[in-house]
Amino acid sequence: MNQRQVENAIAELKMDYINLQGDIEKLESTGNDSFVHKAELRLAKLEAELAELNKKRAEFE
């Protein structure tokens, strides 16, 4: 992966993260706890992916 690809992947994951946070808020307001839990697990996965990509980005600097 080159630097541009890493930057693009980070941008995509950030957008996914923001969208998922909004979805969680909506799910919480409707009381769909099982879906909230699944979405929170997905958020944790996105955070881990972002951390890895940020490490890769730091290698380019």
C-alpha atoms as a PDB file:
ATOM      1  CA  MET A   1       0.000   0.000   0.000  1.00  0.00           C
ATOM      2  CA  ASN A   2       1.389   3.390  -0.916  1.00  0.00           C
ATOM      3  CA  GLN A   3       0.856   6.617   1.002  1.00  0.00           C
ATOM      4  CA  ARG A   4      -2.047   7.772  -1.144  1.00  0.00           C
ATOM      5  CA  GLN A   5      -3.863   4.448  -0.707  1.00  0.00           C
ATOM      6  CA  VAL A   6      -3.375   4.628   3.054  1.00  0.00           C
ATOM      7  CA  GLU A   7      -4.734   8.190   3.149  1.00  0.00           C
ATOM      8  CA  ASN A   8      -7.759   7.168   1.055  1.00  0.00           C
ATOM      9  CA  ALA A   9      -8.433   4.137   3.256  1.00  0.00           C
ATOM     10  CA  ILE A  10      -8.259   6.315   6.378  1.00  0.00           C
ATOM     11  CA  ALA A  11     -10.703   8.804   4.877  1.00  0.00           C
ATOM     12  CA  GLU A  12     -13.139   6.021   3.973  1.00  0.00           C
ATOM     13  CA  LEU A  13     -12.950   4.457   7.421  1.00  0.00           C
ATOM     14  CA  LYS A  14     -13.527   7.818   9.073  1.00  0.00           C
ATOM     15  CA  MET A  15     -16.668   8.323   7.005  1.00  0.00           C
ATOM     16  CA  ASP A  16     -17.869   4.813   7.854  1.00  0.00           C
ATOM     17  CA  TYR A  17     -17.162   5.526  11.523  1.00  0.00           C
ATOM     18  CA  ILE A  18     -19.151   8.766  11.508  1.00  0.00           C
ATOM     19  CA  ASN A  19     -22.073   7.127   9.699  1.00  0.00           C
ATOM     20  CA  LEU A  20     -22.062   4.205  12.114  1.00  0.00           C
ATOM     21  CA  GLN A  21     -22.105   6.545  15.097  1.00  0.00           C
ATOM     22  CA  GLY A  22     -25.229   8.175  13.671  1.00  0.00           C
ATOM     23  CA  ASP A  23     -26.806   4.787  13.114  1.00  0.00           C
ATOM     24  CA  ILE A  24     -26.086   3.805  16.716  1.00  0.00           C
ATOM     25  CA  GLU A  25     -27.805   6.947  17.977  1.00  0.00           C
ATOM     26  CA  LYS A  26     -30.868   6.124  15.903  1.00  0.00           C
ATOM     27  CA  LEU A  27     -30.884   2.503  17.077  1.00  0.00           C
ATOM     28  CA  GLU A  28     -30.542   3.551  20.704  1.00  0.00           C
ATOM     29  CA  SER A  29     -33.519   5.867  20.377  1.00  0.00           C
ATOM     30  CA  THR A  30     -35.664   3.028  19.025  1.00  0.00           C
ATOM     31  CA  GLY A  31     -34.539   0.500  21.645  1.00  0.00           C
ATOM     32  CA  ASN A  32     -32.868  -1.995  19.303  1.00  0.00           C
ATOM     33  CA  ASP A  33     -30.255  -3.134  21.815  1.00  0.00           C
ATOM     34  CA  SER A  34     -29.078  -6.172  19.859  1.00  0.00           C
ATOM     35  CA  PHE A  35     -28.377  -4.031  16.812  1.00  0.00           C
ATOM     36  CA  VAL A  36     -26.679  -1.403  18.989  1.00  0.00           C
ATOM     37  CA  HIS A  37     -24.338  -4.048  20.366  1.00  0.00           C
ATOM     38  CA  LYS A  38     -23.448  -5.286  16.883  1.00  0.00           C
ATOM     39  CA  ALA A  39     -22.845  -1.730  15.701  1.00  0.00           C
ATOM     40  CA  GLU A  40     -20.622  -1.021  18.709  1.00  0.00           C
ATOM     41  CA  LEU A  41     -18.554  -4.092  17.867  1.00  0.00           C
ATOM     42  CA  ARG A  42     -18.205  -2.770  14.324  1.00  0.00           C
ATOM     43  CA  LEU A  43     -17.059   0.591  15.726  1.00  0.00           C
ATOM     44  CA  ALA A  44     -14.358  -1.166  17.728  1.00  0.00           C
ATOM     45  CA  LYS A  45     -13.216  -2.971  14.588  1.00  0.00           C
ATOM     46  CA  LEU A  46     -13.083   0.305  12.659  1.00  0.00           C
ATOM     47  CA  GLU A  47     -11.029   1.870  15.460  1.00  0.00           C
ATOM     48  CA  ALA A  48      -8.526  -0.984  15.256  1.00  0.00           C
ATOM     49  CA  GLU A  49      -8.303  -0.652  11.467  1.00  0.00           C
ATOM     50  CA  LEU A  50      -7.777   3.105  11.782  1.00  0.00           C
ATOM     51  CA  ALA A  51      -5.009   2.564  14.314  1.00  0.00           C
ATOM     52  CA  GLU A  52      -3.214   0.211  11.932  1.00  0.00           C
ATOM     53  CA  LEU A  53      -3.566   2.583   9.012  1.00  0.00           C
ATOM     54  CA  ASN A  54      -2.323   5.487  11.108  1.00  0.00           C
ATOM     55  CA  LYS A  55       0.774   3.435  11.945  1.00  0.00           C
ATOM     56  CA  LYS A  56       1.340   2.821   8.251  1.00  0.00           C
ATOM     57  CA  ARG A  57       0.852   6.505   7.511  1.00  0.00           C
ATOM     58  CA  ALA A  58       3.424   7.395  10.155  1.00  0.00           C
ATOM     59  CA  GLU A  59       5.946   5.150   8.393  1.00  0.00           C
ATOM     60  CA  PHE A  60       5.689   7.333   5.303  1.00  0.00           C
ATOM     61  CA  GLU A  61       6.462  10.511   7.222  1.00  0.00           C
END
